[in-house]
């Protein structure tokens, strides 16, 4: 896991530019489909010391109709994620899978928050504030995960994180 650079992408609003940010080859989080090494189909950036990259997003969209509606999805970008064959260990794959689960937990928390939110007279502002807060929480928690697991080098810490996240996924199952 040495020298791994993680590209944890956070997308603001789903403007038309969003479609240019992610490739057309994405994987949405699913309890029935875990990440596999074949999902890391991107090309190396050729940066010295960089031994891999993952691109995951928590994307939220807001629809102003008769009743304000927000959607949230957890997405893995296959074309922007890569790891050389010699770095593709089972432990590293568990690390990425757990990170993807972490993104889904935070997405479910945001779905729950949006469901409970009264958007009021300025729904765009309310949506953006809630979304920005969720992105900050995701950023902080992702950094904590990376730090506590030593970017996946600490198997015991990874197991602890995985157990916690599986419990949270179950608790937030209604917001899948």
N, C-alpha and C. Protein backbone atom coordinates (compact mmCIF):
# COMPACT_ATOMS: atom_id res chain seq x y z
N UNK A 1 0.81 -1.20 0.00
CA UNK A 1 0.00 0.00 0.00
C UNK A 1 0.85 1.26 0.00
N UNK A 2 2.12 1.09 -0.15
CA UNK A 2 3.00 2.25 -0.09
C UNK A 2 2.74 3.17 -1.28
N UNK A 3 2.83 4.45 -0.99
CA UNK A 3 2.73 5.49 -2.01
C UNK A 3 1.44 5.46 -2.81
N UNK A 4 0.36 5.04 -2.22
CA UNK A 4 -0.91 5.02 -2.95
C UNK A 4 -1.52 6.41 -2.89
N UNK A 5 -1.93 6.90 -4.02
CA UNK A 5 -2.62 8.17 -4.07
C UNK A 5 -4.08 7.86 -4.32
N UNK A 6 -4.92 8.32 -3.42
CA UNK A 6 -6.34 8.11 -3.56
C UNK A 6 -6.98 9.37 -4.10
N UNK A 7 -7.74 9.23 -5.12
CA UNK A 7 -8.44 10.37 -5.66
C UNK A 7 -9.88 10.26 -5.21
N UNK A 8 -10.18 10.92 -4.12
CA UNK A 8 -11.53 10.91 -3.58
C UNK A 8 -12.23 12.14 -4.11
N UNK A 9 -13.06 11.94 -5.09
CA UNK A 9 -13.67 13.07 -5.78
C UNK A 9 -14.99 13.44 -5.16
N UNK A 10 -15.15 14.71 -4.96
CA UNK A 10 -16.40 15.22 -4.42
C UNK A 10 -17.00 16.14 -5.47
N UNK A 11 -18.22 15.84 -5.88
CA UNK A 11 -18.88 16.61 -6.91
C UNK A 11 -19.90 17.53 -6.25
N UNK A 12 -19.88 18.80 -6.58
CA UNK A 12 -20.79 19.78 -5.97
C UNK A 12 -22.22 19.52 -6.43
N UNK A 13 -22.70 20.21 -7.41
CA UNK A 13 -24.05 20.01 -7.91
C UNK A 13 -24.02 19.28 -9.24
N UNK A 14 -25.10 18.67 -9.58
CA UNK A 14 -25.17 17.91 -10.83
C UNK A 14 -25.52 18.83 -11.99
N UNK A 15 -24.66 19.74 -12.31
CA UNK A 15 -24.83 20.60 -13.46
C UNK A 15 -24.41 19.81 -14.70
N UNK A 16 -24.66 20.33 -15.89
CA UNK A 16 -24.23 19.60 -17.09
C UNK A 16 -22.76 19.23 -17.07
N UNK A 17 -21.94 20.00 -16.39
CA UNK A 17 -20.51 19.69 -16.32
C UNK A 17 -20.25 18.37 -15.62
N UNK A 18 -21.20 17.91 -14.79
CA UNK A 18 -21.01 16.66 -14.06
C UNK A 18 -20.77 15.50 -15.02
N UNK A 19 -21.52 15.48 -16.11
CA UNK A 19 -21.36 14.38 -17.06
C UNK A 19 -19.96 14.36 -17.66
N UNK A 20 -19.28 15.49 -17.64
CA UNK A 20 -17.91 15.54 -18.14
C UNK A 20 -16.92 15.13 -17.06
N UNK A 21 -17.32 15.19 -15.81
CA UNK A 21 -16.44 14.87 -14.70
C UNK A 21 -16.26 13.36 -14.57
N UNK A 22 -17.33 12.61 -14.68
CA UNK A 22 -17.26 11.16 -14.61
C UNK A 22 -17.23 10.59 -16.03
N UNK A 23 -16.59 9.46 -16.17
CA UNK A 23 -16.62 8.79 -17.47
C UNK A 23 -17.99 8.13 -17.64
N UNK A 24 -18.20 7.56 -18.79
CA UNK A 24 -19.46 6.86 -19.04
C UNK A 24 -19.44 5.45 -18.47
N UNK A 25 -18.33 5.04 -17.92
CA UNK A 25 -18.17 3.69 -17.37
C UNK A 25 -18.12 3.76 -15.85
N UNK A 26 -19.30 3.76 -15.24
CA UNK A 26 -19.39 3.88 -13.79
C UNK A 26 -20.11 2.69 -13.18
N UNK A 27 -19.91 2.53 -11.89
CA UNK A 27 -20.57 1.48 -11.13
C UNK A 27 -21.27 2.15 -9.95
N UNK A 28 -22.58 1.95 -9.85
CA UNK A 28 -23.33 2.48 -8.71
C UNK A 28 -23.26 1.47 -7.57
N UNK A 29 -23.16 1.97 -6.34
CA UNK A 29 -23.05 1.10 -5.19
C UNK A 29 -24.26 0.16 -5.15
N UNK A 30 -24.00 -1.10 -4.83
CA UNK A 30 -25.06 -2.10 -4.70
C UNK A 30 -24.63 -3.13 -3.67
N UNK A 31 -25.58 -3.55 -2.85
CA UNK A 31 -25.26 -4.58 -1.86
C UNK A 31 -25.01 -5.93 -2.54
N UNK A 32 -25.47 -6.07 -3.78
CA UNK A 32 -25.32 -7.33 -4.52
C UNK A 32 -24.06 -7.38 -5.38
N UNK A 33 -23.35 -6.27 -5.45
CA UNK A 33 -22.19 -6.21 -6.36
C UNK A 33 -21.06 -5.45 -5.68
N UNK A 34 -20.04 -6.16 -5.30
CA UNK A 34 -18.86 -5.55 -4.67
C UNK A 34 -17.84 -5.17 -5.74
N UNK A 35 -16.98 -4.23 -5.41
CA UNK A 35 -15.89 -3.87 -6.32
C UNK A 35 -15.00 -5.08 -6.57
N UNK A 36 -14.50 -5.18 -7.79
CA UNK A 36 -13.55 -6.22 -8.17
C UNK A 36 -12.38 -5.52 -8.86
N UNK A 37 -11.26 -6.20 -8.94
CA UNK A 37 -10.11 -5.58 -9.58
C UNK A 37 -10.40 -5.21 -11.03
N UNK A 38 -11.25 -5.96 -11.70
CA UNK A 38 -11.54 -5.65 -13.10
C UNK A 38 -12.26 -4.30 -13.25
N UNK A 39 -12.81 -3.78 -12.13
CA UNK A 39 -13.46 -2.47 -12.16
C UNK A 39 -12.46 -1.32 -12.26
N UNK A 40 -11.22 -1.60 -11.95
CA UNK A 40 -10.16 -0.58 -12.01
C UNK A 40 -9.56 -0.61 -13.42
N UNK A 41 -10.28 -0.04 -14.38
CA UNK A 41 -9.88 -0.18 -15.78
C UNK A 41 -9.23 1.07 -16.35
N UNK A 42 -8.98 2.07 -15.51
CA UNK A 42 -8.34 3.29 -15.98
C UNK A 42 -6.88 3.07 -16.31
N UNK A 43 -6.28 4.06 -16.89
CA UNK A 43 -4.87 4.02 -17.27
C UNK A 43 -4.04 4.80 -16.25
N UNK A 44 -2.85 4.31 -16.00
CA UNK A 44 -1.91 4.99 -15.11
C UNK A 44 -1.63 6.40 -15.62
N UNK A 45 -1.51 7.33 -14.70
CA UNK A 45 -1.20 8.71 -15.08
C UNK A 45 0.29 8.91 -15.34
N UNK A 46 1.09 7.89 -15.04
CA UNK A 46 2.52 7.98 -15.28
C UNK A 46 3.25 8.92 -14.34
N UNK A 47 2.65 9.19 -13.19
CA UNK A 47 3.27 10.07 -12.20
C UNK A 47 4.20 9.24 -11.32
N UNK A 48 5.46 9.61 -11.21
CA UNK A 48 6.40 8.84 -10.38
C UNK A 48 5.91 8.72 -8.94
N UNK A 49 5.97 7.51 -8.39
CA UNK A 49 5.55 7.26 -7.01
C UNK A 49 4.06 7.02 -6.84
N UNK A 50 3.27 7.27 -7.88
CA UNK A 50 1.83 7.06 -7.79
C UNK A 50 1.52 5.64 -8.22
N UNK A 51 1.00 4.84 -7.29
CA UNK A 51 0.79 3.42 -7.58
C UNK A 51 -0.67 3.03 -7.66
N UNK A 52 -1.55 3.98 -7.85
CA UNK A 52 -2.95 3.66 -8.01
C UNK A 52 -3.83 4.86 -7.76
N UNK A 53 -5.08 4.73 -8.20
CA UNK A 53 -6.04 5.81 -8.01
C UNK A 53 -7.43 5.22 -8.00
N UNK A 54 -8.28 5.77 -7.16
CA UNK A 54 -9.69 5.42 -7.18
C UNK A 54 -10.48 6.71 -7.27
N UNK A 55 -11.58 6.67 -7.99
CA UNK A 55 -12.45 7.83 -8.07
C UNK A 55 -13.86 7.39 -7.69
N UNK A 56 -14.32 7.93 -6.57
CA UNK A 56 -15.66 7.67 -6.07
C UNK A 56 -16.32 9.01 -5.82
N UNK A 57 -17.63 9.08 -6.01
CA UNK A 57 -18.35 10.32 -5.74
C UNK A 57 -19.66 10.04 -5.00
N UNK A 58 -20.06 11.02 -4.22
CA UNK A 58 -21.39 11.06 -3.65
C UNK A 58 -22.08 12.19 -4.41
N UNK A 59 -22.91 11.83 -5.35
CA UNK A 59 -23.55 12.80 -6.23
C UNK A 59 -24.98 13.04 -5.77
N UNK A 60 -25.33 14.31 -5.60
CA UNK A 60 -26.70 14.66 -5.23
C UNK A 60 -27.28 15.56 -6.31
N UNK A 61 -28.54 15.34 -6.61
CA UNK A 61 -29.24 16.16 -7.59
C UNK A 61 -30.49 16.72 -6.93
N UNK A 62 -30.86 17.91 -7.34
CA UNK A 62 -32.02 18.58 -6.78
C UNK A 62 -32.99 18.90 -7.91
N UNK A 63 -34.26 18.58 -7.68
CA UNK A 63 -35.29 18.84 -8.67
C UNK A 63 -36.32 19.77 -8.05
N UNK A 64 -36.53 20.90 -8.72
CA UNK A 64 -37.53 21.85 -8.25
C UNK A 64 -38.79 21.62 -9.07
N UNK A 65 -39.68 20.86 -8.53
CA UNK A 65 -40.97 20.62 -9.17
C UNK A 65 -42.03 21.14 -8.21
N UNK A 66 -43.22 20.64 -8.32
CA UNK A 66 -44.28 21.06 -7.40
C UNK A 66 -43.83 20.85 -5.96
N UNK A 67 -43.13 19.76 -5.74
CA UNK A 67 -42.56 19.47 -4.42
C UNK A 67 -41.07 19.22 -4.62
N UNK A 68 -40.24 19.92 -3.89
CA UNK A 68 -38.79 19.78 -4.04
C UNK A 68 -38.38 18.34 -3.76
N UNK A 69 -37.46 17.84 -4.59
CA UNK A 69 -36.99 16.47 -4.44
C UNK A 69 -35.49 16.42 -4.66
N UNK A 70 -34.81 15.63 -3.85
CA UNK A 70 -33.37 15.46 -3.99
C UNK A 70 -33.06 13.97 -4.09
N UNK A 71 -32.09 13.64 -4.91
CA UNK A 71 -31.62 12.26 -5.02
C UNK A 71 -30.12 12.24 -4.73
N UNK A 72 -29.67 11.11 -4.22
CA UNK A 72 -28.25 10.94 -3.89
C UNK A 72 -27.82 9.57 -4.39
N UNK A 73 -26.65 9.50 -5.00
CA UNK A 73 -26.12 8.23 -5.47
C UNK A 73 -24.63 8.13 -5.16
N UNK A 74 -24.17 6.91 -4.99
CA UNK A 74 -22.77 6.62 -4.73
C UNK A 74 -22.21 5.96 -5.98
N UNK A 75 -21.19 6.56 -6.57
CA UNK A 75 -20.70 6.12 -7.87
C UNK A 75 -19.19 5.90 -7.85
N UNK A 76 -18.76 4.82 -8.48
CA UNK A 76 -17.35 4.50 -8.68
C UNK A 76 -17.07 4.65 -10.17
N UNK A 77 -16.06 5.41 -10.52
CA UNK A 77 -15.70 5.64 -11.92
C UNK A 77 -14.60 4.65 -12.33
N UNK A 78 -14.98 3.67 -13.14
CA UNK A 78 -14.04 2.63 -13.56
C UNK A 78 -12.88 3.19 -14.39
N UNK A 79 -13.19 4.09 -15.30
CA UNK A 79 -12.17 4.61 -16.23
C UNK A 79 -11.17 5.55 -15.55
N UNK A 80 -11.52 6.09 -14.39
CA UNK A 80 -10.60 6.99 -13.68
C UNK A 80 -9.96 6.30 -12.48
N UNK A 81 -10.18 5.01 -12.35
CA UNK A 81 -9.61 4.24 -11.23
C UNK A 81 -8.69 3.16 -11.80
N UNK A 82 -7.53 3.01 -11.18
CA UNK A 82 -6.57 2.03 -11.68
C UNK A 82 -5.62 1.61 -10.57
N UNK A 83 -5.05 0.44 -10.75
CA UNK A 83 -4.00 -0.08 -9.86
C UNK A 83 -3.20 -1.08 -10.68
N UNK A 84 -1.87 -1.00 -10.61
CA UNK A 84 -1.06 -1.97 -11.35
C UNK A 84 -1.24 -3.38 -10.80
N UNK A 85 -1.09 -4.37 -11.64
CA UNK A 85 -1.30 -5.77 -11.26
C UNK A 85 -0.54 -6.15 -10.00
N UNK A 86 0.70 -5.69 -9.87
CA UNK A 86 1.52 -6.08 -8.72
C UNK A 86 1.01 -5.48 -7.40
N UNK A 87 0.14 -4.48 -7.48
CA UNK A 87 -0.42 -3.85 -6.27
C UNK A 87 -1.81 -4.42 -5.94
N UNK A 88 -2.34 -5.29 -6.79
CA UNK A 88 -3.70 -5.79 -6.63
C UNK A 88 -3.76 -6.98 -5.67
N UNK A 89 -3.70 -6.67 -4.39
CA UNK A 89 -3.79 -7.70 -3.36
C UNK A 89 -5.21 -7.77 -2.82
N UNK A 90 -5.52 -8.86 -2.15
CA UNK A 90 -6.85 -9.02 -1.56
C UNK A 90 -7.09 -7.95 -0.48
N UNK A 91 -6.05 -7.67 0.31
CA UNK A 91 -6.20 -6.66 1.36
C UNK A 91 -6.47 -5.27 0.78
N UNK A 92 -5.78 -4.93 -0.29
CA UNK A 92 -6.01 -3.62 -0.91
C UNK A 92 -7.41 -3.54 -1.50
N UNK A 93 -7.89 -4.63 -2.09
CA UNK A 93 -9.25 -4.64 -2.62
C UNK A 93 -10.26 -4.46 -1.49
N UNK A 94 -10.03 -5.11 -0.35
CA UNK A 94 -10.91 -4.91 0.81
C UNK A 94 -10.92 -3.45 1.24
N UNK A 95 -9.75 -2.82 1.18
CA UNK A 95 -9.63 -1.41 1.53
C UNK A 95 -10.55 -0.56 0.64
N UNK A 96 -10.48 -0.78 -0.67
CA UNK A 96 -11.31 -0.01 -1.60
C UNK A 96 -12.79 -0.33 -1.43
N UNK A 97 -13.11 -1.60 -1.21
CA UNK A 97 -14.51 -1.97 -0.99
C UNK A 97 -15.07 -1.28 0.25
N UNK A 98 -14.28 -1.25 1.31
CA UNK A 98 -14.72 -0.60 2.54
C UNK A 98 -14.89 0.89 2.32
N UNK A 99 -13.99 1.50 1.56
CA UNK A 99 -14.13 2.93 1.24
C UNK A 99 -15.42 3.18 0.47
N UNK A 100 -15.75 2.31 -0.47
CA UNK A 100 -16.99 2.45 -1.25
C UNK A 100 -18.20 2.32 -0.31
N UNK A 101 -18.13 1.41 0.64
CA UNK A 101 -19.20 1.28 1.63
C UNK A 101 -19.31 2.54 2.49
N UNK A 102 -18.19 3.13 2.83
CA UNK A 102 -18.19 4.37 3.60
C UNK A 102 -18.93 5.47 2.82
N UNK A 103 -18.65 5.56 1.54
CA UNK A 103 -19.36 6.54 0.70
C UNK A 103 -20.86 6.27 0.70
N UNK A 104 -21.25 5.00 0.62
CA UNK A 104 -22.67 4.67 0.61
C UNK A 104 -23.32 5.01 1.95
N UNK A 105 -22.65 4.76 3.06
CA UNK A 105 -23.20 5.13 4.37
C UNK A 105 -23.47 6.63 4.41
N UNK A 106 -22.51 7.41 3.98
CA UNK A 106 -22.68 8.87 4.00
C UNK A 106 -23.77 9.31 3.02
N UNK A 107 -23.92 8.61 1.90
CA UNK A 107 -25.00 8.91 0.96
C UNK A 107 -26.35 8.61 1.60
N UNK A 108 -26.45 7.50 2.32
CA UNK A 108 -27.71 7.17 2.98
C UNK A 108 -28.06 8.18 4.06
N UNK A 109 -27.06 8.64 4.78
CA UNK A 109 -27.31 9.68 5.79
C UNK A 109 -27.86 10.94 5.12
N UNK A 110 -27.31 11.28 3.96
CA UNK A 110 -27.79 12.46 3.24
C UNK A 110 -29.20 12.23 2.69
N UNK A 111 -29.49 11.03 2.19
CA UNK A 111 -30.85 10.73 1.73
C UNK A 111 -31.85 10.88 2.87
N UNK A 112 -31.47 10.38 4.03
CA UNK A 112 -32.32 10.49 5.23
C UNK A 112 -32.54 11.95 5.58
N UNK A 113 -31.47 12.72 5.58
CA UNK A 113 -31.56 14.14 5.89
C UNK A 113 -32.47 14.86 4.91
N UNK A 114 -32.32 14.59 3.62
CA UNK A 114 -33.17 15.23 2.62
C UNK A 114 -34.63 14.83 2.81
N UNK A 115 -34.87 13.59 3.17
CA UNK A 115 -36.25 13.13 3.38
C UNK A 115 -36.89 13.88 4.55
N UNK A 116 -36.11 14.21 5.55
CA UNK A 116 -36.62 14.88 6.75
C UNK A 116 -36.62 16.40 6.62
N UNK A 117 -36.06 16.93 5.54
CA UNK A 117 -35.89 18.38 5.39
C UNK A 117 -37.10 19.04 4.76
N UNK A 118 -37.47 20.17 5.34
CA UNK A 118 -38.47 21.05 4.74
C UNK A 118 -37.66 22.08 3.96
N UNK A 119 -37.77 22.07 2.65
CA UNK A 119 -36.94 22.93 1.82
C UNK A 119 -37.36 24.39 1.85
N UNK A 120 -38.60 24.68 2.22
CA UNK A 120 -39.04 26.07 2.42
C UNK A 120 -39.03 26.93 1.18
N UNK A 121 -38.87 28.23 1.40
CA UNK A 121 -38.98 29.21 0.32
C UNK A 121 -37.73 29.32 -0.55
N UNK A 122 -36.60 28.88 -0.03
CA UNK A 122 -35.35 28.92 -0.81
C UNK A 122 -34.75 27.51 -0.87
N UNK A 123 -35.42 26.62 -1.61
CA UNK A 123 -34.98 25.22 -1.61
C UNK A 123 -33.57 25.00 -2.16
N UNK A 124 -33.17 25.81 -3.14
CA UNK A 124 -31.81 25.67 -3.68
C UNK A 124 -30.76 25.89 -2.60
N UNK A 125 -30.96 26.92 -1.81
CA UNK A 125 -30.02 27.25 -0.74
C UNK A 125 -29.98 26.16 0.31
N UNK A 126 -31.16 25.68 0.71
CA UNK A 126 -31.24 24.62 1.72
C UNK A 126 -30.54 23.36 1.21
N UNK A 127 -30.84 22.98 -0.04
CA UNK A 127 -30.21 21.81 -0.64
C UNK A 127 -28.69 21.94 -0.62
N UNK A 128 -28.19 23.07 -1.10
CA UNK A 128 -26.75 23.26 -1.21
C UNK A 128 -26.08 23.24 0.16
N UNK A 129 -26.70 23.85 1.16
CA UNK A 129 -26.13 23.84 2.51
C UNK A 129 -26.03 22.43 3.05
N UNK A 130 -27.12 21.66 2.92
CA UNK A 130 -27.13 20.28 3.42
C UNK A 130 -26.11 19.43 2.67
N UNK A 131 -26.04 19.61 1.37
CA UNK A 131 -25.12 18.83 0.55
C UNK A 131 -23.67 19.16 0.90
N UNK A 132 -23.38 20.44 1.05
CA UNK A 132 -22.01 20.84 1.41
C UNK A 132 -21.61 20.28 2.77
N UNK A 133 -22.53 20.31 3.73
CA UNK A 133 -22.25 19.74 5.05
C UNK A 133 -21.96 18.24 4.95
N UNK A 134 -22.74 17.55 4.11
CA UNK A 134 -22.54 16.11 3.93
C UNK A 134 -21.20 15.82 3.26
N UNK A 135 -20.81 16.63 2.30
CA UNK A 135 -19.52 16.45 1.64
C UNK A 135 -18.37 16.67 2.62
N UNK A 136 -18.51 17.65 3.50
CA UNK A 136 -17.49 17.89 4.52
C UNK A 136 -17.38 16.69 5.46
N UNK A 137 -18.54 16.16 5.88
CA UNK A 137 -18.55 15.00 6.77
C UNK A 137 -17.90 13.80 6.08
N UNK A 138 -18.22 13.60 4.80
CA UNK A 138 -17.62 12.51 4.03
C UNK A 138 -16.11 12.69 3.93
N UNK A 139 -15.67 13.89 3.66
CA UNK A 139 -14.24 14.17 3.55
C UNK A 139 -13.52 13.87 4.86
N UNK A 140 -14.09 14.34 5.97
CA UNK A 140 -13.47 14.09 7.28
C UNK A 140 -13.42 12.61 7.61
N UNK A 141 -14.53 11.92 7.34
CA UNK A 141 -14.58 10.50 7.68
C UNK A 141 -13.66 9.68 6.78
N UNK A 142 -13.57 10.03 5.52
CA UNK A 142 -12.67 9.34 4.59
C UNK A 142 -11.22 9.50 5.03
N UNK A 143 -10.86 10.70 5.42
CA UNK A 143 -9.49 10.95 5.89
C UNK A 143 -9.20 10.15 7.15
N UNK A 144 -10.18 10.08 8.06
CA UNK A 144 -10.01 9.30 9.28
C UNK A 144 -9.81 7.82 8.95
N UNK A 145 -10.61 7.30 8.02
CA UNK A 145 -10.48 5.91 7.58
C UNK A 145 -9.08 5.66 7.01
N UNK A 146 -8.64 6.55 6.14
CA UNK A 146 -7.31 6.38 5.53
C UNK A 146 -6.22 6.41 6.59
N UNK A 147 -6.35 7.34 7.53
CA UNK A 147 -5.35 7.48 8.59
C UNK A 147 -5.34 6.26 9.52
N UNK A 148 -6.52 5.87 10.01
CA UNK A 148 -6.59 4.78 10.98
C UNK A 148 -6.20 3.43 10.38
N UNK A 149 -6.42 3.25 9.10
CA UNK A 149 -6.07 1.98 8.46
C UNK A 149 -4.69 2.01 7.81
N UNK A 150 -4.02 3.14 7.89
CA UNK A 150 -2.72 3.25 7.23
C UNK A 150 -2.84 2.99 5.74
N UNK A 151 -3.88 3.56 5.13
CA UNK A 151 -4.18 3.33 3.71
C UNK A 151 -4.33 1.85 3.39
N UNK A 152 -4.87 1.10 4.35
CA UNK A 152 -5.13 -0.32 4.14
C UNK A 152 -4.07 -1.25 4.66
N UNK A 153 -2.98 -0.72 5.20
CA UNK A 153 -1.89 -1.56 5.70
C UNK A 153 -2.25 -2.25 7.01
N UNK A 154 -3.14 -1.67 7.79
CA UNK A 154 -3.53 -2.21 9.10
C UNK A 154 -4.81 -3.04 8.94
N UNK A 155 -4.65 -4.35 8.80
CA UNK A 155 -5.79 -5.25 8.56
C UNK A 155 -6.79 -5.23 9.71
N UNK A 156 -6.32 -5.16 10.94
CA UNK A 156 -7.22 -5.15 12.10
C UNK A 156 -8.08 -3.89 12.10
N UNK A 157 -7.47 -2.75 11.80
CA UNK A 157 -8.23 -1.50 11.74
C UNK A 157 -9.25 -1.54 10.60
N UNK A 158 -8.86 -2.15 9.49
CA UNK A 158 -9.80 -2.27 8.37
C UNK A 158 -11.00 -3.13 8.75
N UNK A 159 -10.76 -4.22 9.47
CA UNK A 159 -11.86 -5.09 9.90
C UNK A 159 -12.80 -4.34 10.83
N UNK A 160 -12.23 -3.53 11.72
CA UNK A 160 -13.05 -2.73 12.63
C UNK A 160 -13.92 -1.74 11.85
N UNK A 161 -13.32 -1.05 10.90
CA UNK A 161 -14.07 -0.12 10.07
C UNK A 161 -15.15 -0.84 9.26
N UNK A 162 -14.80 -1.99 8.69
CA UNK A 162 -15.76 -2.74 7.89
C UNK A 162 -16.96 -3.15 8.74
N UNK A 163 -16.71 -3.64 9.95
CA UNK A 163 -17.80 -4.06 10.84
C UNK A 163 -18.70 -2.88 11.18
N UNK A 164 -18.10 -1.74 11.49
CA UNK A 164 -18.87 -0.54 11.82
C UNK A 164 -19.73 -0.11 10.64
N UNK A 165 -19.14 -0.09 9.45
CA UNK A 165 -19.87 0.35 8.27
C UNK A 165 -20.98 -0.62 7.88
N UNK A 166 -20.75 -1.92 8.04
CA UNK A 166 -21.80 -2.90 7.74
C UNK A 166 -23.00 -2.70 8.66
N UNK A 167 -22.72 -2.40 9.92
CA UNK A 167 -23.79 -2.11 10.88
C UNK A 167 -24.54 -0.85 10.48
N UNK A 168 -23.83 0.18 10.10
CA UNK A 168 -24.47 1.43 9.68
C UNK A 168 -25.28 1.24 8.40
N UNK A 169 -24.78 0.46 7.46
CA UNK A 169 -25.54 0.18 6.24
C UNK A 169 -26.86 -0.49 6.59
N UNK A 170 -26.81 -1.42 7.53
CA UNK A 170 -28.03 -2.12 7.95
C UNK A 170 -29.00 -1.15 8.64
N UNK A 171 -28.47 -0.30 9.53
CA UNK A 171 -29.31 0.66 10.24
C UNK A 171 -29.96 1.67 9.29
N UNK A 172 -29.30 1.98 8.20
CA UNK A 172 -29.80 2.97 7.24
C UNK A 172 -30.39 2.31 5.99
N UNK A 173 -30.74 1.04 6.10
CA UNK A 173 -31.23 0.27 4.95
C UNK A 173 -32.44 0.92 4.29
N UNK A 174 -33.28 1.58 5.06
CA UNK A 174 -34.47 2.23 4.51
C UNK A 174 -34.13 3.37 3.55
N UNK A 175 -32.88 3.82 3.56
CA UNK A 175 -32.46 4.95 2.73
C UNK A 175 -31.53 4.52 1.61
N UNK A 176 -31.66 3.26 1.21
CA UNK A 176 -30.82 2.70 0.14
C UNK A 176 -31.26 3.24 -1.20
